[in-house]
PDB file of all heavy atoms in Angstrom:
ATOM      1  N   SER A   1     -11.872  26.772 -12.990  1.00  0.00           N
ATOM      2  CA  SER A   1     -11.659  25.470 -13.636  1.00  0.00           C
ATOM      3  C   SER A   1     -11.725  24.355 -12.600  1.00  0.00           C
ATOM      4  O   SER A   1     -11.257  24.521 -11.467  1.00  0.00           O
ATOM      5  CB  SER A   1     -10.302  25.444 -14.338  1.00  0.00           C
ATOM      6  OG  SER A   1     -10.247  26.427 -15.350  1.00  0.00           O
ATOM      7  N   HIS A   2     -12.287  23.227 -13.004  1.00  0.00           N
ATOM      8  CA  HIS A   2     -12.498  22.131 -12.069  1.00  0.00           C
ATOM      9  C   HIS A   2     -12.550  20.831 -12.840  1.00  0.00           C
ATOM     10  O   HIS A   2     -13.022  20.777 -13.981  1.00  0.00           O
ATOM     11  CB  HIS A   2     -13.814  22.338 -11.312  1.00  0.00           C
ATOM     12  CG  HIS A   2     -14.239  21.168 -10.479  1.00  0.00           C
ATOM     13  ND1 HIS A   2     -15.075  20.181 -10.957  1.00  0.00           N
ATOM     14  CD2 HIS A   2     -13.942  20.826  -9.206  1.00  0.00           C
ATOM     15  CE1 HIS A   2     -15.281  19.290 -10.010  1.00  0.00           C
ATOM     16  NE2 HIS A   2     -14.609  19.657  -8.938  1.00  0.00           N
ATOM     17  N   GLU A   3     -12.044  19.755 -12.227  1.00  0.00           N
ATOM     18  CA  GLU A   3     -12.138  18.439 -12.861  1.00  0.00           C
ATOM     19  C   GLU A   3     -12.441  17.368 -11.822  1.00  0.00           C
ATOM     20  O   GLU A   3     -12.115  17.515 -10.648  1.00  0.00           O
ATOM     21  CB  GLU A   3     -10.844  18.097 -13.596  1.00  0.00           C
ATOM     22  CG  GLU A   3      -9.600  18.036 -12.723  1.00  0.00           C
ATOM     23  CD  GLU A   3      -8.358  17.678 -13.523  1.00  0.00           C
ATOM     24  OE1 GLU A   3      -8.287  16.535 -14.031  1.00  0.00           O
ATOM     25  OE2 GLU A   3      -7.472  18.540 -13.641  1.00  0.00           O
ATOM     26  N   VAL A   4     -13.101  16.320 -12.279  1.00  0.00           N
ATOM     27  CA  VAL A   4     -13.380  15.169 -11.434  1.00  0.00           C
ATOM     28  C   VAL A   4     -12.323  14.106 -11.715  1.00  0.00           C
ATOM     29  O   VAL A   4     -12.055  13.775 -12.866  1.00  0.00           O
ATOM     30  CB  VAL A   4     -14.789  14.598 -11.705  1.00  0.00           C
ATOM     31  CG1 VAL A   4     -15.018  13.330 -10.885  1.00  0.00           C
ATOM     32  CG2 VAL A   4     -15.854  15.640 -11.378  1.00  0.00           C
ATOM     33  N   MET A   5     -11.700  13.604 -10.649  1.00  0.00           N
ATOM     34  CA  MET A   5     -10.657  12.589 -10.793  1.00  0.00           C
ATOM     35  C   MET A   5     -11.196  11.237 -10.346  1.00  0.00           C
ATOM     36  O   MET A   5     -11.619  11.077  -9.198  1.00  0.00           O
ATOM     37  CB  MET A   5      -9.431  12.974  -9.963  1.00  0.00           C
ATOM     38  CG  MET A   5      -8.764  14.264 -10.425  1.00  0.00           C
ATOM     39  SD  MET A   5      -7.287  14.662  -9.451  1.00  0.00           S
ATOM     40  CE  MET A   5      -6.742  16.162 -10.309  1.00  0.00           C
ATOM     41  N   ASP A   6     -11.190  10.290 -11.256  1.00  0.00           N
ATOM     42  CA  ASP A   6     -11.736   8.959 -10.987  1.00  0.00           C
ATOM     43  C   ASP A   6     -10.731   8.150 -10.167  1.00  0.00           C
ATOM     44  O   ASP A   6      -9.658   7.784 -10.648  1.00  0.00           O
ATOM     45  CB  ASP A   6     -12.041   8.243 -12.301  1.00  0.00           C
ATOM     46  CG  ASP A   6     -12.836   6.961 -12.083  1.00  0.00           C
ATOM     47  OD1 ASP A   6     -12.972   6.537 -10.919  1.00  0.00           O
ATOM     48  OD2 ASP A   6     -13.330   6.387 -13.071  1.00  0.00           O
ATOM     49  N   CYS A   7     -11.073   7.883  -8.913  1.00  0.00           N
ATOM     50  CA  CYS A   7     -10.195   7.115  -8.021  1.00  0.00           C
ATOM     51  C   CYS A   7     -10.754   5.722  -7.749  1.00  0.00           C
ATOM     52  O   CYS A   7     -10.462   5.107  -6.720  1.00  0.00           O
ATOM     53  CB  CYS A   7      -9.997   7.872  -6.712  1.00  0.00           C
ATOM     54  SG  CYS A   7      -9.123   9.432  -6.882  1.00  0.00           S
ATOM     55  N   ARG A   8     -11.550   5.224  -8.686  1.00  0.00           N
ATOM     56  CA  ARG A   8     -12.124   3.884  -8.551  1.00  0.00           C
ATOM     57  C   ARG A   8     -11.372   2.879  -9.408  1.00  0.00           C
ATOM     58  O   ARG A   8     -11.907   1.859  -9.821  1.00  0.00           O
ATOM     59  CB  ARG A   8     -13.600   3.914  -8.944  1.00  0.00           C
ATOM     60  CG  ARG A   8     -14.449   4.885  -8.124  1.00  0.00           C
ATOM     61  CD  ARG A   8     -15.802   5.125  -8.758  1.00  0.00           C
ATOM     62  NE  ARG A   8     -15.661   5.749 -10.073  1.00  0.00           N
ATOM     63  CZ  ARG A   8     -16.658   5.961 -10.913  1.00  0.00           C
ATOM     64  NH1 ARG A   8     -17.886   5.587 -10.574  1.00  0.00           N
ATOM     65  NH2 ARG A   8     -16.451   6.522 -12.083  1.00  0.00           N
ATOM     66  N   LEU A   9     -10.099   3.148  -9.662  1.00  0.00           N
ATOM     67  CA  LEU A   9      -9.281   2.324 -10.536  1.00  0.00           C
ATOM     68  C   LEU A   9      -8.828   1.052  -9.829  1.00  0.00           C
ATOM     69  O   LEU A   9      -8.752   0.994  -8.601  1.00  0.00           O
ATOM     70  CB  LEU A   9      -8.060   3.126 -11.007  1.00  0.00           C
ATOM     71  CG  LEU A   9      -8.347   4.500 -11.616  1.00  0.00           C
ATOM     72  CD1 LEU A   9      -7.040   5.217 -11.936  1.00  0.00           C
ATOM     73  CD2 LEU A   9      -9.216   4.366 -12.853  1.00  0.00           C
ATOM     74  N   GLN A  10      -8.500   0.053 -10.604  1.00  0.00           N
ATOM     75  CA  GLN A  10      -7.968  -1.190 -10.050  1.00  0.00           C
ATOM     76  C   GLN A  10      -6.542  -0.955  -9.573  1.00  0.00           C
ATOM     77  O   GLN A  10      -5.658  -0.596 -10.348  1.00  0.00           O
ATOM     78  CB  GLN A  10      -7.986  -2.300 -11.109  1.00  0.00           C
ATOM     79  CG  GLN A  10      -7.511  -3.650 -10.622  1.00  0.00           C
ATOM     80  CD  GLN A  10      -8.449  -4.259  -9.582  1.00  0.00           C
ATOM     81  OE1 GLN A  10      -9.665  -4.134  -9.675  1.00  0.00           O
ATOM     82  NE2 GLN A  10      -7.874  -4.892  -8.574  1.00  0.00           N
ATOM     83  N   THR A  11      -6.298  -1.148  -8.291  1.00  0.00           N
ATOM     84  CA  THR A  11      -4.984  -0.895  -7.708  1.00  0.00           C
ATOM     85  C   THR A  11      -4.019  -2.013  -8.075  1.00  0.00           C
ATOM     86  O   THR A  11      -4.357  -3.194  -7.956  1.00  0.00           O
ATOM     87  CB  THR A  11      -5.093  -0.798  -6.173  1.00  0.00           C
ATOM     88  OG1 THR A  11      -6.112   0.137  -5.833  1.00  0.00           O
ATOM     89  CG2 THR A  11      -3.780  -0.352  -5.562  1.00  0.00           C
ATOM     90  N   THR A  12      -2.820  -1.670  -8.502  1.00  0.00           N
ATOM     91  CA  THR A  12      -1.840  -2.686  -8.897  1.00  0.00           C
ATOM     92  C   THR A  12      -1.274  -3.389  -7.667  1.00  0.00           C
ATOM     93  O   THR A  12      -1.223  -2.828  -6.571  1.00  0.00           O
ATOM     94  CB  THR A  12      -0.679  -2.069  -9.687  1.00  0.00           C
ATOM     95  OG1 THR A  12       0.074  -1.201  -8.816  1.00  0.00           O
ATOM     96  CG2 THR A  12      -1.188  -1.269 -10.882  1.00  0.00           C
ATOM     97  N   ASN A  13      -0.797  -4.612  -7.859  1.00  0.00           N
ATOM     98  CA  ASN A  13      -0.216  -5.379  -6.758  1.00  0.00           C
ATOM     99  C   ASN A  13       1.049  -4.708  -6.225  1.00  0.00           C
ATOM    100  O   ASN A  13       1.315  -4.758  -5.019  1.00  0.00           O
ATOM    101  CB  ASN A  13       0.094  -6.805  -7.210  1.00  0.00           C
ATOM    102  CG  ASN A  13      -1.175  -7.620  -7.426  1.00  0.00           C
ATOM    103  OD1 ASN A  13      -2.203  -7.373  -6.780  1.00  0.00           O
ATOM    104  ND2 ASN A  13      -1.122  -8.587  -8.325  1.00  0.00           N
ATOM    105  N   GLN A  14       1.835  -4.092  -7.119  1.00  0.00           N
ATOM    106  CA  GLN A  14       3.055  -3.412  -6.677  1.00  0.00           C
ATOM    107  C   GLN A  14       2.738  -2.247  -5.753  1.00  0.00           C
ATOM    108  O   GLN A  14       3.389  -2.051  -4.725  1.00  0.00           O
ATOM    109  CB  GLN A  14       3.847  -2.920  -7.891  1.00  0.00           C
ATOM    110  CG  GLN A  14       4.547  -4.027  -8.674  1.00  0.00           C
ATOM    111  CD  GLN A  14       5.330  -3.461  -9.841  1.00  0.00           C
ATOM    112  OE1 GLN A  14       4.839  -2.623 -10.590  1.00  0.00           O
ATOM    113  NE2 GLN A  14       6.567  -3.928 -10.002  1.00  0.00           N
ATOM    114  N   PHE A  15       1.719  -1.458  -6.115  1.00  0.00           N
ATOM    115  CA  PHE A  15       1.337  -0.326  -5.276  1.00  0.00           C
ATOM    116  C   PHE A  15       0.805  -0.825  -3.932  1.00  0.00           C
ATOM    117  O   PHE A  15       1.124  -0.253  -2.880  1.00  0.00           O
ATOM    118  CB  PHE A  15       0.278   0.518  -5.987  1.00  0.00           C
ATOM    119  CG  PHE A  15      -0.051   1.797  -5.275  1.00  0.00           C
ATOM    120  CD1 PHE A  15       0.666   2.954  -5.525  1.00  0.00           C
ATOM    121  CD2 PHE A  15      -1.088   1.848  -4.343  1.00  0.00           C
ATOM    122  CE1 PHE A  15       0.366   4.141  -4.865  1.00  0.00           C
ATOM    123  CE2 PHE A  15      -1.401   3.032  -3.681  1.00  0.00           C
ATOM    124  CZ  PHE A  15      -0.671   4.175  -3.943  1.00  0.00           C
ATOM    125  N   LYS A  16      -0.004  -1.889  -3.948  1.00  0.00           N
ATOM    126  CA  LYS A  16      -0.531  -2.445  -2.704  1.00  0.00           C
ATOM    127  C   LYS A  16       0.599  -2.854  -1.766  1.00  0.00           C
ATOM    128  O   LYS A  16       0.566  -2.577  -0.554  1.00  0.00           O
ATOM    129  CB  LYS A  16      -1.399  -3.675  -2.998  1.00  0.00           C
ATOM    130  CG  LYS A  16      -2.720  -3.387  -3.676  1.00  0.00           C
ATOM    131  CD  LYS A  16      -3.466  -4.695  -3.924  1.00  0.00           C
ATOM    132  CE  LYS A  16      -4.760  -4.465  -4.673  1.00  0.00           C
ATOM    133  NZ  LYS A  16      -5.464  -5.749  -4.954  1.00  0.00           N
ATOM    134  N   LYS A  17       1.619  -3.507  -2.319  1.00  0.00           N
ATOM    135  CA  LYS A  17       2.734  -3.999  -1.507  1.00  0.00           C
ATOM    136  C   LYS A  17       3.470  -2.849  -0.834  1.00  0.00           C
ATOM    137  O   LYS A  17       3.770  -2.902   0.362  1.00  0.00           O
ATOM    138  CB  LYS A  17       3.688  -4.805  -2.391  1.00  0.00           C
ATOM    139  CG  LYS A  17       4.857  -5.425  -1.638  1.00  0.00           C
ATOM    140  CD  LYS A  17       5.723  -6.264  -2.562  1.00  0.00           C
ATOM    141  CE  LYS A  17       6.891  -6.879  -1.804  1.00  0.00           C
ATOM    142  NZ  LYS A  17       7.756  -7.694  -2.708  1.00  0.00           N
ATOM    143  N   ILE A  18       3.749  -1.793  -1.587  1.00  0.00           N
ATOM    144  CA  ILE A  18       4.468  -0.649  -1.025  1.00  0.00           C
ATOM    145  C   ILE A  18       3.596   0.097  -0.031  1.00  0.00           C
ATOM    146  O   ILE A  18       4.068   0.522   1.030  1.00  0.00           O
ATOM    147  CB  ILE A  18       4.948   0.289  -2.152  1.00  0.00           C
ATOM    148  CG1 ILE A  18       6.030  -0.410  -2.975  1.00  0.00           C
ATOM    149  CG2 ILE A  18       5.477   1.598  -1.599  1.00  0.00           C
ATOM    150  CD1 ILE A  18       6.514   0.373  -4.153  1.00  0.00           C
ATOM    151  N   TYR A  19       2.336   0.244  -0.336  1.00  0.00           N
ATOM    152  CA  TYR A  19       1.422   0.962   0.565  1.00  0.00           C
ATOM    153  C   TYR A  19       1.356   0.267   1.922  1.00  0.00           C
ATOM    154  O   TYR A  19       1.418   0.919   2.973  1.00  0.00           O
ATOM    155  CB  TYR A  19       0.032   1.043  -0.062  1.00  0.00           C
ATOM    156  CG  TYR A  19      -0.876   2.047   0.608  1.00  0.00           C
ATOM    157  CD1 TYR A  19      -0.909   3.369   0.181  1.00  0.00           C
ATOM    158  CD2 TYR A  19      -1.693   1.683   1.676  1.00  0.00           C
ATOM    159  CE1 TYR A  19      -1.741   4.309   0.800  1.00  0.00           C
ATOM    160  CE2 TYR A  19      -2.519   2.598   2.293  1.00  0.00           C
ATOM    161  CZ  TYR A  19      -2.544   3.910   1.848  1.00  0.00           C
ATOM    162  OH  TYR A  19      -3.355   4.825   2.473  1.00  0.00           O
ATOM    163  N   LEU A  20       1.252  -1.050   1.916  1.00  0.00           N
ATOM    164  CA  LEU A  20       1.187  -1.804   3.164  1.00  0.00           C
ATOM    165  C   LEU A  20       2.505  -1.740   3.932  1.00  0.00           C
ATOM    166  O   LEU A  20       2.514  -1.792   5.166  1.00  0.00           O
ATOM    167  CB  LEU A  20       0.829  -3.269   2.876  1.00  0.00           C
ATOM    168  CG  LEU A  20      -0.617  -3.537   2.467  1.00  0.00           C
ATOM    169  CD1 LEU A  20      -0.784  -4.972   1.986  1.00  0.00           C
ATOM    170  CD2 LEU A  20      -1.565  -3.268   3.645  1.00  0.00           C
ATOM    171  N   ALA A  21       3.623  -1.600   3.209  1.00  0.00           N
ATOM    172  CA  ALA A  21       4.933  -1.576   3.857  1.00  0.00           C
ATOM    173  C   ALA A  21       5.270  -0.212   4.448  1.00  0.00           C
ATOM    174  O   ALA A  21       6.236  -0.083   5.204  1.00  0.00           O
ATOM    175  CB  ALA A  21       6.020  -1.974   2.850  1.00  0.00           C
ATOM    176  N   ASN A  22       4.495   0.813   4.125  1.00  0.00           N
ATOM    177  CA  ASN A  22       4.828   2.174   4.547  1.00  0.00           C
ATOM    178  C   ASN A  22       4.322   2.536   5.933  1.00  0.00           C
ATOM    179  O   ASN A  22       4.706   3.555   6.494  1.00  0.00           O
ATOM    180  CB  ASN A  22       4.285   3.192   3.531  1.00  0.00           C
ATOM    181  CG  ASN A  22       5.251   3.422   2.399  1.00  0.00           C
ATOM    182  OD1 ASN A  22       6.313   2.822   2.336  1.00  0.00           O
ATOM    183  ND2 ASN A  22       4.897   4.305   1.495  1.00  0.00           N
ATOM    184  N   SER A  23       3.428   1.728   6.490  1.00  0.00           N
ATOM    185  CA  SER A  23       2.884   2.026   7.809  1.00  0.00           C
ATOM    186  C   SER A  23       2.228   0.785   8.384  1.00  0.00           C
ATOM    187  O   SER A  23       1.576   0.027   7.661  1.00  0.00           O
ATOM    188  CB  SER A  23       1.848   3.153   7.721  1.00  0.00           C
ATOM    189  OG  SER A  23       1.078   3.240   8.903  1.00  0.00           O
ATOM    190  N   ASP A  24       2.389   0.600   9.708  1.00  0.00           N
ATOM    191  CA  ASP A  24       1.756  -0.551  10.346  1.00  0.00           C
ATOM    192  C   ASP A  24       0.249  -0.367  10.489  1.00  0.00           C
ATOM    193  O   ASP A  24      -0.470  -1.297  10.849  1.00  0.00           O
ATOM    194  CB  ASP A  24       2.379  -0.815  11.718  1.00  0.00           C
ATOM    195  CG  ASP A  24       2.187   0.353  12.680  1.00  0.00           C
ATOM    196  OD1 ASP A  24       1.909   1.464  12.210  1.00  0.00           O
ATOM    197  OD2 ASP A  24       2.339   0.141  13.902  1.00  0.00           O
ATOM    198  N   MET A  25      -0.252   0.848  10.199  1.00  0.00           N
ATOM    199  CA  MET A  25      -1.691   1.135  10.291  1.00  0.00           C
ATOM    200  C   MET A  25      -2.322   1.308   8.913  1.00  0.00           C
ATOM    201  O   MET A  25      -3.413   1.858   8.794  1.00  0.00           O
ATOM    202  CB  MET A  25      -1.906   2.411  11.107  1.00  0.00           C
ATOM    203  CG  MET A  25      -1.837   2.222  12.605  1.00  0.00           C
ATOM    204  SD  MET A  25      -3.310   1.394  13.234  1.00  0.00           S
ATOM    205  CE  MET A  25      -4.544   2.671  12.953  1.00  0.00           C
ATOM    206  N   ALA A  26      -1.645   0.890   7.866  1.00  0.00           N
ATOM    207  CA  ALA A  26      -2.106   1.155   6.502  1.00  0.00           C
ATOM    208  C   ALA A  26      -3.541   0.687   6.262  1.00  0.00           C
ATOM    209  O   ALA A  26      -3.880  -0.470   6.490  1.00  0.00           O
ATOM    210  CB  ALA A  26      -1.165   0.475   5.509  1.00  0.00           C
ATOM    211  N   HIS A  27      -4.375   1.626   5.784  1.00  0.00           N
ATOM    212  CA  HIS A  27      -5.778   1.344   5.482  1.00  0.00           C
ATOM    213  C   HIS A  27      -5.905   1.076   3.978  1.00  0.00           C
ATOM    214  O   HIS A  27      -6.525   1.849   3.245  1.00  0.00           O
ATOM    215  CB  HIS A  27      -6.655   2.527   5.883  1.00  0.00           C
ATOM    216  CG  HIS A  27      -6.643   2.836   7.350  1.00  0.00           C
ATOM    217  ND1 HIS A  27      -5.548   3.378   7.990  1.00  0.00           N
ATOM    218  CD2 HIS A  27      -7.611   2.688   8.308  1.00  0.00           C
ATOM    219  CE1 HIS A  27      -5.842   3.558   9.277  1.00  0.00           C
ATOM    220  NE2 HIS A  27      -7.076   3.140   9.492  1.00  0.00           N
ATOM    221  N   LEU A  28      -5.332  -0.020   3.545  1.00  0.00           N
ATOM    222  CA  LEU A  28      -5.270  -0.311   2.114  1.00  0.00           C
ATOM    223  C   LEU A  28      -6.652  -0.399   1.482  1.00  0.00           C
ATOM    224  O   LEU A  28      -6.880   0.141   0.389  1.00  0.00           O
ATOM    225  CB  LEU A  28      -4.510  -1.613   1.866  1.00  0.00           C
ATOM    226  CG  LEU A  28      -4.505  -2.102   0.404  1.00  0.00           C
ATOM    227  CD1 LEU A  28      -3.767  -1.116  -0.495  1.00  0.00           C
ATOM    228  CD2 LEU A  28      -3.896  -3.490   0.302  1.00  0.00           C
ATOM    229  N   ASN A  29      -7.595  -1.055   2.138  1.00  0.00           N
ATOM    230  CA  ASN A  29      -8.893  -1.334   1.516  1.00  0.00           C
ATOM    231  C   ASN A  29      -9.785  -0.109   1.374  1.00  0.00           C
ATOM    232  O   ASN A  29     -10.903  -0.209   0.884  1.00  0.00           O
ATOM    233  CB  ASN A  29      -9.624  -2.421   2.308  1.00  0.00           C
ATOM    234  CG  ASN A  29      -8.958  -3.773   2.146  1.00  0.00           C
ATOM    235  OD1 ASN A  29      -8.319  -4.030   1.134  1.00  0.00           O
ATOM    236  ND2 ASN A  29      -9.083  -4.623   3.143  1.00  0.00           N
ATOM    237  N   ASP A  30      -9.299   1.049   1.801  1.00  0.00           N
ATOM    238  CA  ASP A  30     -10.062   2.271   1.604  1.00  0.00           C
ATOM    239  C   ASP A  30      -9.127   3.402   1.183  1.00  0.00           C
ATOM    240  O   ASP A  30      -9.059   3.752   0.013  1.00  0.00           O
ATOM    241  CB  ASP A  30     -10.821   2.643   2.880  1.00  0.00           C
ATOM    242  CG  ASP A  30     -11.817   3.772   2.646  1.00  0.00           C
ATOM    243  OD1 ASP A  30     -12.641   3.652   1.730  1.00  0.00           O
ATOM    244  OD2 ASP A  30     -11.756   4.777   3.370  1.00  0.00           O
ATOM    245  N   TRP A  31      -8.387   3.959   2.137  1.00  0.00           N
ATOM    246  CA  TRP A  31      -7.472   5.048   1.806  1.00  0.00           C
ATOM    247  C   TRP A  31      -6.446   4.636   0.758  1.00  0.00           C
ATOM    248  O   TRP A  31      -6.059   5.429  -0.092  1.00  0.00           O
ATOM    249  CB  TRP A  31      -6.742   5.521   3.068  1.00  0.00           C
ATOM    250  CG  TRP A  31      -7.629   6.146   4.100  1.00  0.00           C
ATOM    251  CD1 TRP A  31      -8.927   6.550   3.942  1.00  0.00           C
ATOM    252  CD2 TRP A  31      -7.290   6.431   5.461  1.00  0.00           C
ATOM    253  NE1 TRP A  31      -9.414   7.073   5.116  1.00  0.00           N
ATOM    254  CE2 TRP A  31      -8.438   7.023   6.066  1.00  0.00           C
ATOM    255  CE3 TRP A  31      -6.144   6.264   6.223  1.00  0.00           C
ATOM    256  CZ2 TRP A  31      -8.453   7.428   7.400  1.00  0.00           C
ATOM    257  CZ3 TRP A  31      -6.146   6.675   7.557  1.00  0.00           C
ATOM    258  CH2 TRP A  31      -7.289   7.241   8.130  1.00  0.00           C
ATOM    259  N   GLY A  32      -6.017   3.386   0.813  1.00  0.00           N
ATOM    260  CA  GLY A  32      -5.006   2.915  -0.137  1.00  0.00           C
ATOM    261  C   GLY A  32      -5.506   2.924  -1.568  1.00  0.00           C
ATOM    262  O   GLY A  32      -4.801   3.342  -2.485  1.00  0.00           O
ATOM    263  N   HIS A  33      -6.747   2.468  -1.775  1.00  0.00           N
ATOM    264  CA  HIS A  33      -7.311   2.459  -3.127  1.00  0.00           C
ATOM    265  C   HIS A  33      -7.521   3.884  -3.636  1.00  0.00           C
ATOM    266  O   HIS A  33      -7.292   4.174  -4.817  1.00  0.00           O
ATOM    267  CB  HIS A  33      -8.631   1.685  -3.135  1.00  0.00           C
ATOM    268  CG  HIS A  33      -8.470   0.223  -2.830  1.00  0.00           C
ATOM    269  ND1 HIS A  33      -7.446  -0.535  -3.355  1.00  0.00           N
ATOM    270  CD2 HIS A  33      -9.211  -0.623  -2.053  1.00  0.00           C
ATOM    271  CE1 HIS A  33      -7.542  -1.778  -2.917  1.00  0.00           C
ATOM    272  NE2 HIS A  33      -8.610  -1.856  -2.128  1.00  0.00           N
ATOM    273  N   ILE A  34      -7.941   4.783  -2.734  1.00  0.00           N
ATOM    274  CA  ILE A  34      -8.107   6.179  -3.139  1.00  0.00           C
ATOM    275  C   ILE A  34      -6.749   6.779  -3.494  1.00  0.00           C
ATOM    276  O   ILE A  34      -6.609   7.511  -4.476  1.00  0.00           O
ATOM    277  CB  ILE A  34      -8.780   6.986  -2.009  1.00  0.00           C
ATOM    278  CG1 ILE A  34     -10.159   6.421  -1.691  1.00  0.00           C
ATOM    279  CG2 ILE A  34      -8.904   8.463  -2.410  1.00  0.00           C
ATOM    280  CD1 ILE A  34     -10.799   7.007  -0.435  1.00  0.00           C
ATOM    281  N   ALA A  35      -5.730   6.463  -2.688  1.00  0.00           N
ATOM    282  CA  ALA A  35      -4.385   6.983  -2.947  1.00  0.00           C
ATOM    283  C   ALA A  35      -3.882   6.561  -4.320  1.00  0.00           C
ATOM    284  O   ALA A  35      -3.257   7.356  -5.037  1.00  0.00           O
ATOM    285  CB  ALA A  35      -3.422   6.502  -1.863  1.00  0.00           C
ATOM    286  N   TYR A  36      -4.171   5.324  -4.702  1.00  0.00           N
ATOM    287  CA  TYR A  36      -3.739   4.888  -6.025  1.00  0.00           C
ATOM    288  C   TYR A  36      -4.435   5.704  -7.106  1.00  0.00           C
ATOM    289  O   TYR A  36      -3.807   6.129  -8.086  1.00  0.00           O
ATOM    290  CB  TYR A  36      -4.021   3.401  -6.231  1.00  0.00           C
ATOM    291  CG  TYR A  36      -3.594   2.917  -7.602  1.00  0.00           C
ATOM    292  CD1 TYR A  36      -2.236   2.756  -7.904  1.00  0.00           C
ATOM    293  CD2 TYR A  36      -4.526   2.674  -8.604  1.00  0.00           C
ATOM    294  CE1 TYR A  36      -1.831   2.351  -9.161  1.00  0.00           C
ATOM    295  CE2 TYR A  36      -4.124   2.265  -9.864  1.00  0.00           C
ATOM    296  CZ  TYR A  36      -2.775   2.103 -10.139  1.00  0.00           C
ATOM    297  OH  TYR A  36      -2.367   1.712 -11.392  1.00  0.00           O
ATOM    298  N   GLY A  37      -5.730   5.948  -6.919  1.00  0.00           N
ATOM    299  CA  GLY A  37      -6.445   6.782  -7.885  1.00  0.00           C
ATOM    300  C   GLY A  37      -5.856   8.177  -7.968  1.00  0.00           C
ATOM    301  O   GLY A  37      -5.730   8.751  -9.058  1.00  0.00           O
ATOM    302  N   ILE A  38      -5.471   8.727  -6.828  1.00  0.00           N
ATOM    303  CA  ILE A  38      -4.830  10.044  -6.821  1.00  0.00           C
ATOM    304  C   ILE A  38      -3.532  10.000  -7.606  1.00  0.00           C
ATOM    305  O   ILE A  38      -3.224  10.908  -8.390  1.00  0.00           O
ATOM    306  CB  ILE A  38      -4.569  10.507  -5.372  1.00  0.00           C
ATOM    307  CG1 ILE A  38      -5.890  10.754  -4.638  1.00  0.00           C
ATOM    308  CG2 ILE A  38      -3.713  11.772  -5.347  1.00  0.00           C
ATOM    309  CD1 ILE A  38      -5.732  11.017  -3.151  1.00  0.00           C
ATOM    310  N   SER A  39      -2.754   8.938  -7.402  1.00  0.00           N
ATOM    311  CA  SER A  39      -1.455   8.836  -8.081  1.00  0.00           C
ATOM    312  C   SER A  39      -1.599   8.813  -9.598  1.00  0.00           C
ATOM    313  O   SER A  39      -0.680   9.215 -10.318  1.00  0.00           O
ATOM    314  CB  SER A  39      -0.717   7.575  -7.615  1.00  0.00           C
ATOM    315  OG  SER A  39      -1.297   6.393  -8.165  1.00  0.00           O
ATOM    316  N   GLN A  40      -2.745   8.355 -10.086  1.00  0.00           N
ATOM    317  CA  GLN A  40      -2.967   8.266 -11.526  1.00  0.00           C
ATOM    318  C   GLN A  40      -3.635   9.513 -12.094  1.00  0.00           C
ATOM    319  O   GLN A  40      -3.826   9.612 -13.320  1.00  0.00           O
ATOM    320  CB  GLN A  40      -3.838   7.044 -11.836  1.00  0.00           C
ATOM    321  CG  GLN A  40      -3.236   5.726 -11.383  1.00  0.00           C
ATOM    322  CD  GLN A  40      -1.879   5.469 -11.994  1.00  0.00           C
ATOM    323  OE1 GLN A  40      -1.735   5.401 -13.219  1.00  0.00           O
ATOM    324  NE2 GLN A  40      -0.854   5.343 -11.148  1.00  0.00           N
ATOM    325  N   ASN A  41      -3.984  10.471 -11.240  1.00  0.00           N
ATOM    326  CA  ASN A  41      -4.713  11.657 -11.696  1.00  0.00           C
ATOM    327  C   ASN A  41      -4.041  12.983 -11.349  1.00  0.00           C
ATOM    328  O   ASN A  41      -3.962  13.879 -12.183  1.00  0.00           O
ATOM    329  CB  ASN A  41      -6.120  11.666 -11.074  1.00  0.00           C
ATOM    330  CG  ASN A  41      -7.086  10.715 -11.738  1.00  0.00           C
ATOM    331  OD1 ASN A  41      -7.668  11.024 -12.779  1.00  0.00           O
ATOM    332  ND2 ASN A  41      -7.270   9.547 -11.133  1.00  0.00           N
ATOM    333  N   LEU A  42      -3.574  13.111 -10.114  1.00  0.00           N
ATOM    334  CA  LEU A  42      -3.065  14.394  -9.643  1.00  0.00           C
ATOM    335  C   LEU A  42      -1.672  14.661 -10.212  1.00  0.00           C
ATOM    336  O   LEU A  42      -0.796  13.792 -10.122  1.00  0.00           O
ATOM    337  CB  LEU A  42      -2.998  14.399  -8.110  1.00  0.00           C
ATOM    338  CG  LEU A  42      -2.863  15.751  -7.424  1.00  0.00           C
ATOM    339  CD1 LEU A  42      -4.131  16.577  -7.613  1.00  0.00           C
ATOM    340  CD2 LEU A  42      -2.581  15.556  -5.930  1.00  0.00           C
ATOM    341  N   PRO A  43      -1.433  15.833 -10.800  1.00  0.00           N
ATOM    342  CA  PRO A  43      -0.105  16.138 -11.346  1.00  0.00           C
ATOM    343  C   PRO A  43       0.965  16.051 -10.266  1.00  0.00           C
ATOM    344  O   PRO A  43       0.772  16.519  -9.141  1.00  0.00           O
ATOM    345  CB  PRO A  43      -0.268  17.574 -11.851  1.00  0.00           C
ATOM    346  CG  PRO A  43      -1.726  17.738 -12.103  1.00  0.00           C
ATOM    347  CD  PRO A  43      -2.405  16.909 -11.056  1.00  0.00           C
ATOM    348  N   GLU A  44       2.096  15.448 -10.598  1.00  0.00           N
ATOM    349  CA  GLU A  44       3.207  15.327  -9.657  1.00  0.00           C
ATOM    350  C   GLU A  44       3.649  16.716  -9.213  1.00  0.00           C
ATOM    351  O   GLU A  44       3.743  17.638 -10.002  1.00  0.00           O
ATOM    352  CB  GLU A  44       4.375  14.583 -10.309  1.00  0.00           C
ATOM    353  CG  GLU A  44       5.579  14.376  -9.411  1.00  0.00           C
ATOM    354  CD  GLU A  44       5.272  13.507  -8.206  1.00  0.00           C
ATOM    355  OE1 GLU A  44       4.433  12.592  -8.316  1.00  0.00           O
ATOM    356  OE2 GLU A  44       5.891  13.751  -7.155  1.00  0.00           O
TER     357      GLU A  44
END
C-alpha cells in the first residue's frame, strides 16, 4: 500500500511563527512549507 501526500499546501501564519521560533536556522521557505504539508497528511 502506498499514498502520495500533497505538501504544496498554503502554510498558516500560526505554523510559520512557531516554525521560525523553534530554531535560529529555520528553513521556513522550503523545509518549513514541506513540514506543514506533512503535518496535514501524516498520521500523528
